[in-house]
PDB file of N, CA and C in Angstrom:
ATOM      1  N   UNK A   1      16.507   7.930   1.243  1.00  0.00           N
ATOM      2  CA  UNK A   1      15.712   8.472   2.327  1.00  0.00           C
ATOM      3  C   UNK A   1      16.559   8.449   3.594  1.00  0.00           C
ATOM      4  N   UNK A   2      16.564   9.584   4.292  1.00  0.00           N
ATOM      5  CA  UNK A   2      17.339   9.684   5.513  1.00  0.00           C
ATOM      6  C   UNK A   2      16.687   8.958   6.668  1.00  0.00           C
ATOM      7  N   UNK A   3      17.448   8.778   7.695  1.00  0.00           N
ATOM      8  CA  UNK A   3      16.963   8.073   8.882  1.00  0.00           C
ATOM      9  C   UNK A   3      15.767   8.783   9.509  1.00  0.00           C
ATOM     10  N   UNK A   4      15.841  10.112   9.647  1.00  0.00           N
ATOM     11  CA  UNK A   4      14.735  10.850  10.259  1.00  0.00           C
ATOM     12  C   UNK A   4      13.474  10.787   9.407  1.00  0.00           C
ATOM     13  N   UNK A   5      13.626  10.891   8.109  1.00  0.00           N
ATOM     14  CA  UNK A   5      12.459  10.785   7.233  1.00  0.00           C
ATOM     15  C   UNK A   5      11.831   9.406   7.332  1.00  0.00           C
ATOM     16  N   UNK A   6      12.662   8.389   7.435  1.00  0.00           N
ATOM     17  CA  UNK A   6      12.164   7.020   7.580  1.00  0.00           C
ATOM     18  C   UNK A   6      11.391   6.873   8.890  1.00  0.00           C
ATOM     19  N   UNK A   7      11.941   7.408   9.973  1.00  0.00           N
ATOM     20  CA  UNK A   7      11.257   7.335  11.270  1.00  0.00           C
ATOM     21  C   UNK A   7       9.943   8.094  11.242  1.00  0.00           C
ATOM     22  N   UNK A   8       9.941   9.277  10.625  1.00  0.00           N
ATOM     23  CA  UNK A   8       8.706  10.064  10.538  1.00  0.00           C
ATOM     24  C   UNK A   8       7.635   9.317   9.764  1.00  0.00           C
ATOM     25  N   UNK A   9       8.010   8.660   8.695  1.00  0.00           N
ATOM     26  CA  UNK A   9       7.025   7.924   7.903  1.00  0.00           C
ATOM     27  C   UNK A   9       6.462   6.738   8.683  1.00  0.00           C
ATOM     28  N   UNK A  10       7.280   6.131   9.534  1.00  0.00           N
ATOM     29  CA  UNK A  10       6.813   4.997  10.334  1.00  0.00           C
ATOM     30  C   UNK A  10       5.970   5.441  11.528  1.00  0.00           C
ATOM     31  N   UNK A  11       6.288   6.612  12.098  1.00  0.00           N
ATOM     32  CA  UNK A  11       5.577   7.079  13.281  1.00  0.00           C
ATOM     33  C   UNK A  11       4.309   7.864  12.953  1.00  0.00           C
ATOM     34  N   UNK A  12       4.110   8.254  11.719  1.00  0.00           N
ATOM     35  CA  UNK A  12       2.932   9.014  11.323  1.00  0.00           C
ATOM     36  C   UNK A  12       1.628   8.322  11.686  1.00  0.00           C
ATOM     37  N   UNK A  13       1.430   7.062  11.279  1.00  0.00           N
ATOM     38  CA  UNK A  13       0.193   6.360  11.644  1.00  0.00           C
ATOM     39  C   UNK A  13       0.037   6.171  13.156  1.00  0.00           C
ATOM     40  N   UNK A  14       1.138   5.984  13.860  1.00  0.00           N
ATOM     41  CA  UNK A  14       1.064   5.807  15.315  1.00  0.00           C
ATOM     42  C   UNK A  14       0.571   7.084  15.981  1.00  0.00           C
ATOM     43  N   UNK A  15       0.975   8.239  15.469  1.00  0.00           N
ATOM     44  CA  UNK A  15       0.538   9.511  16.036  1.00  0.00           C
ATOM     45  C   UNK A  15      -0.977   9.649  15.899  1.00  0.00           C
ATOM     46  N   UNK A  16      -1.516   9.237  14.772  1.00  0.00           N
ATOM     47  CA  UNK A  16      -2.959   9.286  14.574  1.00  0.00           C
ATOM     48  C   UNK A  16      -3.694   8.370  15.548  1.00  0.00           C
ATOM     49  N   UNK A  17      -3.146   7.185  15.771  1.00  0.00           N
ATOM     50  CA  UNK A  17      -3.772   6.244  16.702  1.00  0.00           C
ATOM     51  C   UNK A  17      -3.732   6.777  18.132  1.00  0.00           C
ATOM     52  N   UNK A  18      -2.602   7.363  18.510  1.00  0.00           N
ATOM     53  CA  UNK A  18      -2.476   7.927  19.852  1.00  0.00           C
ATOM     54  C   UNK A  18      -3.471   9.070  20.026  1.00  0.00           C
ATOM     55  N   UNK A  19      -3.612   9.887  18.995  1.00  0.00           N
ATOM     56  CA  UNK A  19      -4.554  10.999  19.055  1.00  0.00           C
ATOM     57  C   UNK A  19      -5.984  10.489  19.210  1.00  0.00           C
ATOM     58  N   UNK A  20      -6.330   9.443  18.475  1.00  0.00           N
ATOM     59  CA  UNK A  20      -7.669   8.859  18.595  1.00  0.00           C
ATOM     60  C   UNK A  20      -7.914   8.332  20.005  1.00  0.00           C
ATOM     61  N   UNK A  21      -6.941   7.611  20.542  1.00  0.00           N
ATOM     62  CA  UNK A  21      -7.088   7.074  21.900  1.00  0.00           C
ATOM     63  C   UNK A  21      -7.189   8.184  22.935  1.00  0.00           C
ATOM     64  N   UNK A  22      -6.386   9.226  22.769  1.00  0.00           N
ATOM     65  CA  UNK A  22      -6.434  10.350  23.700  1.00  0.00           C
ATOM     66  C   UNK A  22      -7.787  11.040  23.627  1.00  0.00           C
ATOM     67  N   UNK A  23      -8.340  11.129  22.435  1.00  0.00           N
ATOM     68  CA  UNK A  23      -9.652  11.764  22.276  1.00  0.00           C
ATOM     69  C   UNK A  23     -10.748  10.926  22.941  1.00  0.00           C
ATOM     70  N   UNK A  24     -10.672   9.615  22.794  1.00  0.00           N
ATOM     71  CA  UNK A  24     -11.683   8.722  23.358  1.00  0.00           C
ATOM     72  C   UNK A  24     -11.605   8.625  24.876  1.00  0.00           C
ATOM     73  N   UNK A  25     -10.403   8.634  25.428  1.00  0.00           N
ATOM     74  CA  UNK A  25     -10.219   8.372  26.853  1.00  0.00           C
ATOM     75  C   UNK A  25      -9.628   9.564  27.599  1.00  0.00           C
ATOM     76  N   UNK A  26      -9.876  10.763  27.121  1.00  0.00           N
ATOM     77  CA  UNK A  26      -9.304  11.973  27.719  1.00  0.00           C
ATOM     78  C   UNK A  26      -9.628  12.128  29.190  1.00  0.00           C
ATOM     79  N   UNK A  27     -10.874  11.871  29.572  1.00  0.00           N
ATOM     80  CA  UNK A  27     -11.278  12.012  30.969  1.00  0.00           C
ATOM     81  C   UNK A  27     -10.545  11.045  31.882  1.00  0.00           C
ATOM     82  N   UNK A  28     -10.404   9.822  31.426  1.00  0.00           N
ATOM     83  CA  UNK A  28      -9.700   8.815  32.224  1.00  0.00           C
ATOM     84  C   UNK A  28      -8.223   9.174  32.381  1.00  0.00           C
ATOM     85  N   UNK A  29      -7.641   9.701  31.313  1.00  0.00           N
ATOM     86  CA  UNK A  29      -6.224  10.059  31.362  1.00  0.00           C
ATOM     87  C   UNK A  29      -6.010  11.232  32.308  1.00  0.00           C
ATOM     88  N   UNK A  30      -6.885  12.246  32.237  1.00  0.00           N
ATOM     89  CA  UNK A  30      -6.783  13.388  33.157  1.00  0.00           C
ATOM     90  C   UNK A  30      -6.927  12.924  34.601  1.00  0.00           C
ATOM     91  N   UNK A  31      -7.859  12.011  34.834  1.00  0.00           N
ATOM     92  CA  UNK A  31      -8.066  11.480  36.191  1.00  0.00           C
ATOM     93  C   UNK A  31      -6.813  10.736  36.659  1.00  0.00           C
ATOM     94  N   UNK A  32      -6.209   9.965  35.773  1.00  0.00           N
ATOM     95  CA  UNK A  32      -4.992   9.228  36.119  1.00  0.00           C
ATOM     96  C   UNK A  32      -3.828  10.153  36.428  1.00  0.00           C
ATOM     97  N   UNK A  33      -3.710  11.236  35.667  1.00  0.00           N
ATOM     98  CA  UNK A  33      -2.651  12.220  35.922  1.00  0.00           C
ATOM     99  C   UNK A  33      -2.844  12.844  37.293  1.00  0.00           C
ATOM    100  N   UNK A  34      -4.084  13.219  37.608  1.00  0.00           N
ATOM    101  CA  UNK A  34      -4.371  13.817  38.918  1.00  0.00           C
ATOM    102  C   UNK A  34      -4.089  12.837  40.054  1.00  0.00           C
ATOM    103  N   UNK A  35      -4.489  11.592  39.855  1.00  0.00           N
ATOM    104  CA  UNK A  35      -4.298  10.576  40.888  1.00  0.00           C
ATOM    105  C   UNK A  35      -2.807  10.328  41.132  1.00  0.00           C
ATOM    106  N   UNK A  36      -2.034  10.226  40.056  1.00  0.00           N
ATOM    107  CA  UNK A  36      -0.593  10.012  40.196  1.00  0.00           C
ATOM    108  C   UNK A  36       0.068  11.199  40.885  1.00  0.00           C
ATOM    109  N   UNK A  37      -0.354  12.420  40.526  1.00  0.00           N
ATOM    110  CA  UNK A  37       0.210  13.616  41.147  1.00  0.00           C
ATOM    111  C   UNK A  37      -0.093  13.645  42.639  1.00  0.00           C
ATOM    112  N   UNK A  38      -1.301  13.238  43.016  1.00  0.00           N
ATOM    113  CA  UNK A  38      -1.675  13.231  44.429  1.00  0.00           C
ATOM    114  C   UNK A  38      -0.832  12.227  45.219  1.00  0.00           C
ATOM    115  N   UNK A  39      -0.624  11.040  44.647  1.00  0.00           N
ATOM    116  CA  UNK A  39       0.172  10.016  45.324  1.00  0.00           C
ATOM    117  C   UNK A  39       1.615  10.486  45.503  1.00  0.00           C
ATOM    118  N   UNK A  40       2.185  11.050  44.444  1.00  0.00           N
ATOM    119  CA  UNK A  40       3.574  11.516  44.525  1.00  0.00           C
ATOM    120  C   UNK A  40       3.685  12.650  45.536  1.00  0.00           C
ATOM    121  N   UNK A  41       2.706  13.553  45.539  1.00  0.00           N
ATOM    122  CA  UNK A  41       2.733  14.670  46.482  1.00  0.00           C
ATOM    123  C   UNK A  41       2.633  14.180  47.928  1.00  0.00           C
ATOM    124  N   UNK A  42       1.800  13.167  48.156  1.00  0.00           N
ATOM    125  CA  UNK A  42       1.687  12.606  49.507  1.00  0.00           C
ATOM    126  C   UNK A  42       2.979  11.905  49.930  1.00  0.00           C
ATOM    127  N   UNK A  43       3.585  11.169  49.008  1.00  0.00           N
ATOM    128  CA  UNK A  43       4.813  10.441  49.334  1.00  0.00           C
ATOM    129  C   UNK A  43       5.984  11.379  49.619  1.00  0.00           C
ATOM    130  N   UNK A  44       5.998  12.525  48.963  1.00  0.00           N
ATOM    131  CA  UNK A  44       7.077  13.478  49.188  1.00  0.00           C
ATOM    132  C   UNK A  44       6.708  14.493  50.269  1.00  0.00           C
ATOM    133  N   UNK A  45       5.560  14.269  50.914  1.00  0.00           N
ATOM    134  CA  UNK A  45       5.071  15.112  52.012  1.00  0.00           C
ATOM    135  C   UNK A  45       4.987  16.589  51.616  1.00  0.00           C
ATOM    136  N   UNK A  46       4.581  16.837  50.378  1.00  0.00           N
ATOM    137  CA  UNK A  46       4.364  18.200  49.912  1.00  0.00           C
ATOM    138  C   UNK A  46       5.623  18.987  49.603  1.00  0.00           C
ATOM    139  N   UNK A  47       6.775  18.343  49.685  1.00  0.00           N
ATOM    140  CA  UNK A  47       8.037  19.051  49.493  1.00  0.00           C
ATOM    141  C   UNK A  47       8.182  19.578  48.056  1.00  0.00           C
ATOM    142  N   UNK A  48       7.622  18.860  47.086  1.00  0.00           N
ATOM    143  CA  UNK A  48       7.765  19.244  45.678  1.00  0.00           C
ATOM    144  C   UNK A  48       6.416  19.580  45.043  1.00  0.00           C
ATOM    145  N   UNK A  49       5.493  20.088  45.834  1.00  0.00           N
ATOM    146  CA  UNK A  49       4.142  20.358  45.338  1.00  0.00           C
ATOM    147  C   UNK A  49       4.124  21.273  44.126  1.00  0.00           C
ATOM    148  N   UNK A  50       4.919  22.335  44.148  1.00  0.00           N
ATOM    149  CA  UNK A  50       4.908  23.262  43.020  1.00  0.00           C
ATOM    150  C   UNK A  50       5.416  22.597  41.748  1.00  0.00           C
ATOM    151  N   UNK A  51       6.441  21.784  41.856  1.00  0.00           N
ATOM    152  CA  UNK A  51       6.981  21.096  40.687  1.00  0.00           C
ATOM    153  C   UNK A  51       6.008  20.022  40.178  1.00  0.00           C
ATOM    154  N   UNK A  52       5.352  19.342  41.094  1.00  0.00           N
ATOM    155  CA  UNK A  52       4.366  18.332  40.714  1.00  0.00           C
ATOM    156  C   UNK A  52       3.198  18.996  40.003  1.00  0.00           C
ATOM    157  N   UNK A  53       2.755  20.134  40.525  1.00  0.00           N
ATOM    158  CA  UNK A  53       1.641  20.864  39.918  1.00  0.00           C
ATOM    159  C   UNK A  53       2.019  21.337  38.507  1.00  0.00           C
ATOM    160  N   UNK A  54       3.241  21.840  38.346  1.00  0.00           N
ATOM    161  CA  UNK A  54       3.709  22.297  37.042  1.00  0.00           C
ATOM    162  C   UNK A  54       3.753  21.130  36.056  1.00  0.00           C
ATOM    163  N   UNK A  55       4.289  20.016  36.481  1.00  0.00           N
ATOM    164  CA  UNK A  55       4.364  18.841  35.618  1.00  0.00           C
ATOM    165  C   UNK A  55       2.990  18.314  35.243  1.00  0.00           C
ATOM    166  N   UNK A  56       2.068  18.344  36.194  1.00  0.00           N
ATOM    167  CA  UNK A  56       0.703  17.901  35.935  1.00  0.00           C
ATOM    168  C   UNK A  56       0.047  18.801  34.898  1.00  0.00           C
ATOM    169  N   UNK A  57       0.227  20.111  35.045  1.00  0.00           N
ATOM    170  CA  UNK A  57      -0.351  21.048  34.078  1.00  0.00           C
ATOM    171  C   UNK A  57       0.227  20.838  32.681  1.00  0.00           C
ATOM    172  N   UNK A  58       1.525  20.599  32.606  1.00  0.00           N
ATOM    173  CA  UNK A  58       2.156  20.364  31.304  1.00  0.00           C
ATOM    174  C   UNK A  58       1.653  19.064  30.678  1.00  0.00           C
ATOM    175  N   UNK A  59       1.486  18.031  31.483  1.00  0.00           N
ATOM    176  CA  UNK A  59       0.984  16.755  30.964  1.00  0.00           C
ATOM    177  C   UNK A  59      -0.447  16.910  30.457  1.00  0.00           C
ATOM    178  N   UNK A  60      -1.270  17.640  31.193  1.00  0.00           N
ATOM    179  CA  UNK A  60      -2.645  17.870  30.752  1.00  0.00           C
ATOM    180  C   UNK A  60      -2.679  18.731  29.496  1.00  0.00           C
ATOM    181  N   UNK A  61      -1.779  19.696  29.407  1.00  0.00           N
ATOM    182  CA  UNK A  61      -1.700  20.528  28.210  1.00  0.00           C
ATOM    183  C   UNK A  61      -1.324  19.716  26.982  1.00  0.00           C
ATOM    184  N   UNK A  62      -0.388  18.807  27.156  1.00  0.00           N
ATOM    185  CA  UNK A  62       0.009  17.939  26.054  1.00  0.00           C
ATOM    186  C   UNK A  62      -1.158  17.048  25.633  1.00  0.00           C
ATOM    187  N   UNK A  63      -1.906  16.559  26.594  1.00  0.00           N
ATOM    188  CA  UNK A  63      -3.082  15.744  26.306  1.00  0.00           C
ATOM    189  C   UNK A  63      -4.104  16.547  25.520  1.00  0.00           C
ATOM    190  N   UNK A  64      -4.332  17.771  25.948  1.00  0.00           N
ATOM    191  CA  UNK A  64      -5.301  18.620  25.262  1.00  0.00           C
ATOM    192  C   UNK A  64      -4.862  18.914  23.831  1.00  0.00           C
ATOM    193  N   UNK A  65      -3.569  19.128  23.632  1.00  0.00           N
ATOM    194  CA  UNK A  65      -3.070  19.373  22.276  1.00  0.00           C
ATOM    195  C   UNK A  65      -3.288  18.142  21.394  1.00  0.00           C
ATOM    196  N   UNK A  66      -3.105  16.964  21.953  1.00  0.00           N
ATOM    197  CA  UNK A  66      -3.334  15.740  21.181  1.00  0.00           C
ATOM    198  C   UNK A  66      -4.794  15.607  20.774  1.00  0.00           C
ATOM    199  N   UNK A  67      -5.701  15.879  21.697  1.00  0.00           N
ATOM    200  CA  UNK A  67      -7.118  15.712  21.386  1.00  0.00           C
ATOM    201  C   UNK A  67      -7.625  16.820  20.478  1.00  0.00           C
ATOM    202  N   UNK A  68      -7.154  18.042  20.650  1.00  0.00           N
ATOM    203  CA  UNK A  68      -7.622  19.143  19.808  1.00  0.00           C
ATOM    204  C   UNK A  68      -7.058  19.039  18.409  1.00  0.00           C
ATOM    205  N   UNK A  69      -5.883  18.458  18.254  1.00  0.00           N
ATOM    206  CA  UNK A  69      -5.299  18.274  16.938  1.00  0.00           C
ATOM    207  C   UNK A  69      -6.222  17.416  16.085  1.00  0.00           C
ATOM    208  N   UNK A  70      -6.851  16.446  16.697  1.00  0.00           N
ATOM    209  CA  UNK A  70      -7.752  15.556  15.971  1.00  0.00           C
ATOM    210  C   UNK A  70      -9.059  16.274  15.627  1.00  0.00           C
ATOM    211  N   UNK A  71      -9.524  17.166  16.497  1.00  0.00           N
ATOM    212  CA  UNK A  71     -10.791  17.851  16.278  1.00  0.00           C
ATOM    213  C   UNK A  71     -10.693  18.901  15.188  1.00  0.00           C
ATOM    214  N   UNK A  72      -9.555  19.553  15.042  1.00  0.00           N
ATOM    215  CA  UNK A  72      -9.405  20.643  14.098  1.00  0.00           C
ATOM    216  C   UNK A  72      -8.808  20.124  12.805  1.00  0.00           C
ATOM    217  N   UNK A  73      -9.617  19.983  11.745  1.00  0.00           N
ATOM    218  CA  UNK A  73      -9.090  19.435  10.506  1.00  0.00           C
ATOM    219  C   UNK A  73      -8.052  20.335   9.858  1.00  0.00           C
ATOM    220  N   UNK A  74      -8.189  21.663   9.955  1.00  0.00           N
ATOM    221  CA  UNK A  74      -7.219  22.559   9.360  1.00  0.00           C
ATOM    222  C   UNK A  74      -5.974  22.683  10.204  1.00  0.00           C
ATOM    223  N   UNK A  75      -6.122  22.676  11.493  1.00  0.00           N
ATOM    224  CA  UNK A  75      -5.040  22.826  12.461  1.00  0.00           C
ATOM    225  C   UNK A  75      -4.185  24.044  12.158  1.00  0.00           C
ATOM    226  N   UNK A  76      -4.839  25.097  11.630  1.00  0.00           N
ATOM    227  CA  UNK A  76      -4.116  26.305  11.301  1.00  0.00           C
ATOM    228  C   UNK A  76      -4.118  27.304  12.430  1.00  0.00           C
ATOM    229  N   UNK A  77      -4.734  26.981  13.532  1.00  0.00           N
ATOM    230  CA  UNK A  77      -4.758  27.877  14.668  1.00  0.00           C
ATOM    231  C   UNK A  77      -5.832  28.939  14.555  1.00  0.00           C
ATOM    232  N   UNK A  78      -6.788  28.773  13.652  1.00  0.00           N
ATOM    233  CA  UNK A  78      -7.852  29.745  13.495  1.00  0.00           C
ATOM    234  C   UNK A  78      -8.810  29.639  14.665  1.00  0.00           C
ATOM    235  N   UNK A  79      -8.919  30.693  15.449  1.00  0.00           N
ATOM    236  CA  UNK A  79      -9.789  30.663  16.621  1.00  0.00           C
ATOM    237  C   UNK A  79     -10.980  31.580  16.443  1.00  0.00           C
ATOM    238  N   UNK A  80     -11.238  32.055  15.231  1.00  0.00           N
ATOM    239  CA  UNK A  80     -12.348  32.959  14.983  1.00  0.00           C
ATOM    240  C   UNK A  80     -13.659  32.210  15.080  1.00  0.00           C
ATOM    241  N   UNK A  81     -14.599  32.756  15.847  1.00  0.00           N
ATOM    242  CA  UNK A  81     -15.941  32.205  15.947  1.00  0.00           C
ATOM    243  C   UNK A  81     -16.902  33.257  15.427  1.00  0.00           C
ATOM    244  N   UNK A  82     -17.690  32.931  14.410  1.00  0.00           N
ATOM    245  CA  UNK A  82     -18.598  33.941  13.870  1.00  0.00           C
ATOM    246  C   UNK A  82     -19.676  34.294  14.881  1.00  0.00           C
ATOM    247  N   UNK A  83     -20.170  35.541  14.851  1.00  0.00           N
ATOM    248  CA  UNK A  83     -21.209  35.945  15.804  1.00  0.00           C
ATOM    249  C   UNK A  83     -22.511  35.201  15.508  1.00  0.00           C
ATOM    250  N   UNK A  84     -23.288  34.979  16.554  1.00  0.00           N
ATOM    251  CA  UNK A  84     -24.546  34.247  16.390  1.00  0.00           C
ATOM    252  C   UNK A  84     -25.693  35.169  16.005  1.00  0.00           C
ATOM    253  N   UNK A  85     -25.536  36.467  16.206  1.00  0.00           N
ATOM    254  CA  UNK A  85     -26.581  37.419  15.832  1.00  0.00           C
ATOM    255  C   UNK A  85     -26.143  38.200  14.607  1.00  0.00           C
ATOM    256  N   UNK A  86     -27.083  38.637  13.789  1.00  0.00           N
ATOM    257  CA  UNK A  86     -26.710  39.409  12.606  1.00  0.00           C
ATOM    258  C   UNK A  86     -26.212  40.790  13.020  1.00  0.00           C
ATOM    259  N   UNK A  87     -25.383  41.411  12.197  1.00  0.00           N
ATOM    260  CA  UNK A  87     -24.904  42.747  12.531  1.00  0.00           C
ATOM    261  C   UNK A  87     -26.041  43.758  12.492  1.00  0.00           C
ATOM    262  N   UNK A  88     -25.936  44.825  13.273  1.00  0.00           N
ATOM    263  CA  UNK A  88     -27.008  45.822  13.284  1.00  0.00           C
ATOM    264  C   UNK A  88     -27.121  46.513  11.930  1.00  0.00           C
ATOM    265  N   UNK A  89     -28.359  46.765  11.514  1.00  0.00           N
ATOM    266  CA  UNK A  89     -28.550  47.460  10.240  1.00  0.00           C
ATOM    267  C   UNK A  89     -28.480  48.959  10.463  1.00  0.00           C
ATOM    268  N   UNK A  90     -27.981  49.703   9.455  1.00  0.00           N
ATOM    269  CA  UNK A  90     -27.855  51.144   9.649  1.00  0.00           C
ATOM    270  C   UNK A  90     -28.959  51.921   9.039  1.00  0.00           C
TER     271      UNK A  90
END
């Protein structure tokens, strides 16, 4: 077994635990990201606001991917939602 395969086998259960924690505490994590971004933006006097905003969005996106991965058992990217009303009869 190669080194990477060994690492993947060891990190597999940890990824599941991280996903569970992210799903349970998603709101708190988003709040913490926003709070940290605000503090950094204030300390830099707005000089890097665009970069801070970009980094915040990427961090939130990564969080969302972690939580949605747990919600979607297939994780095949299927976004089809069936209609709630029956099709019109002809």
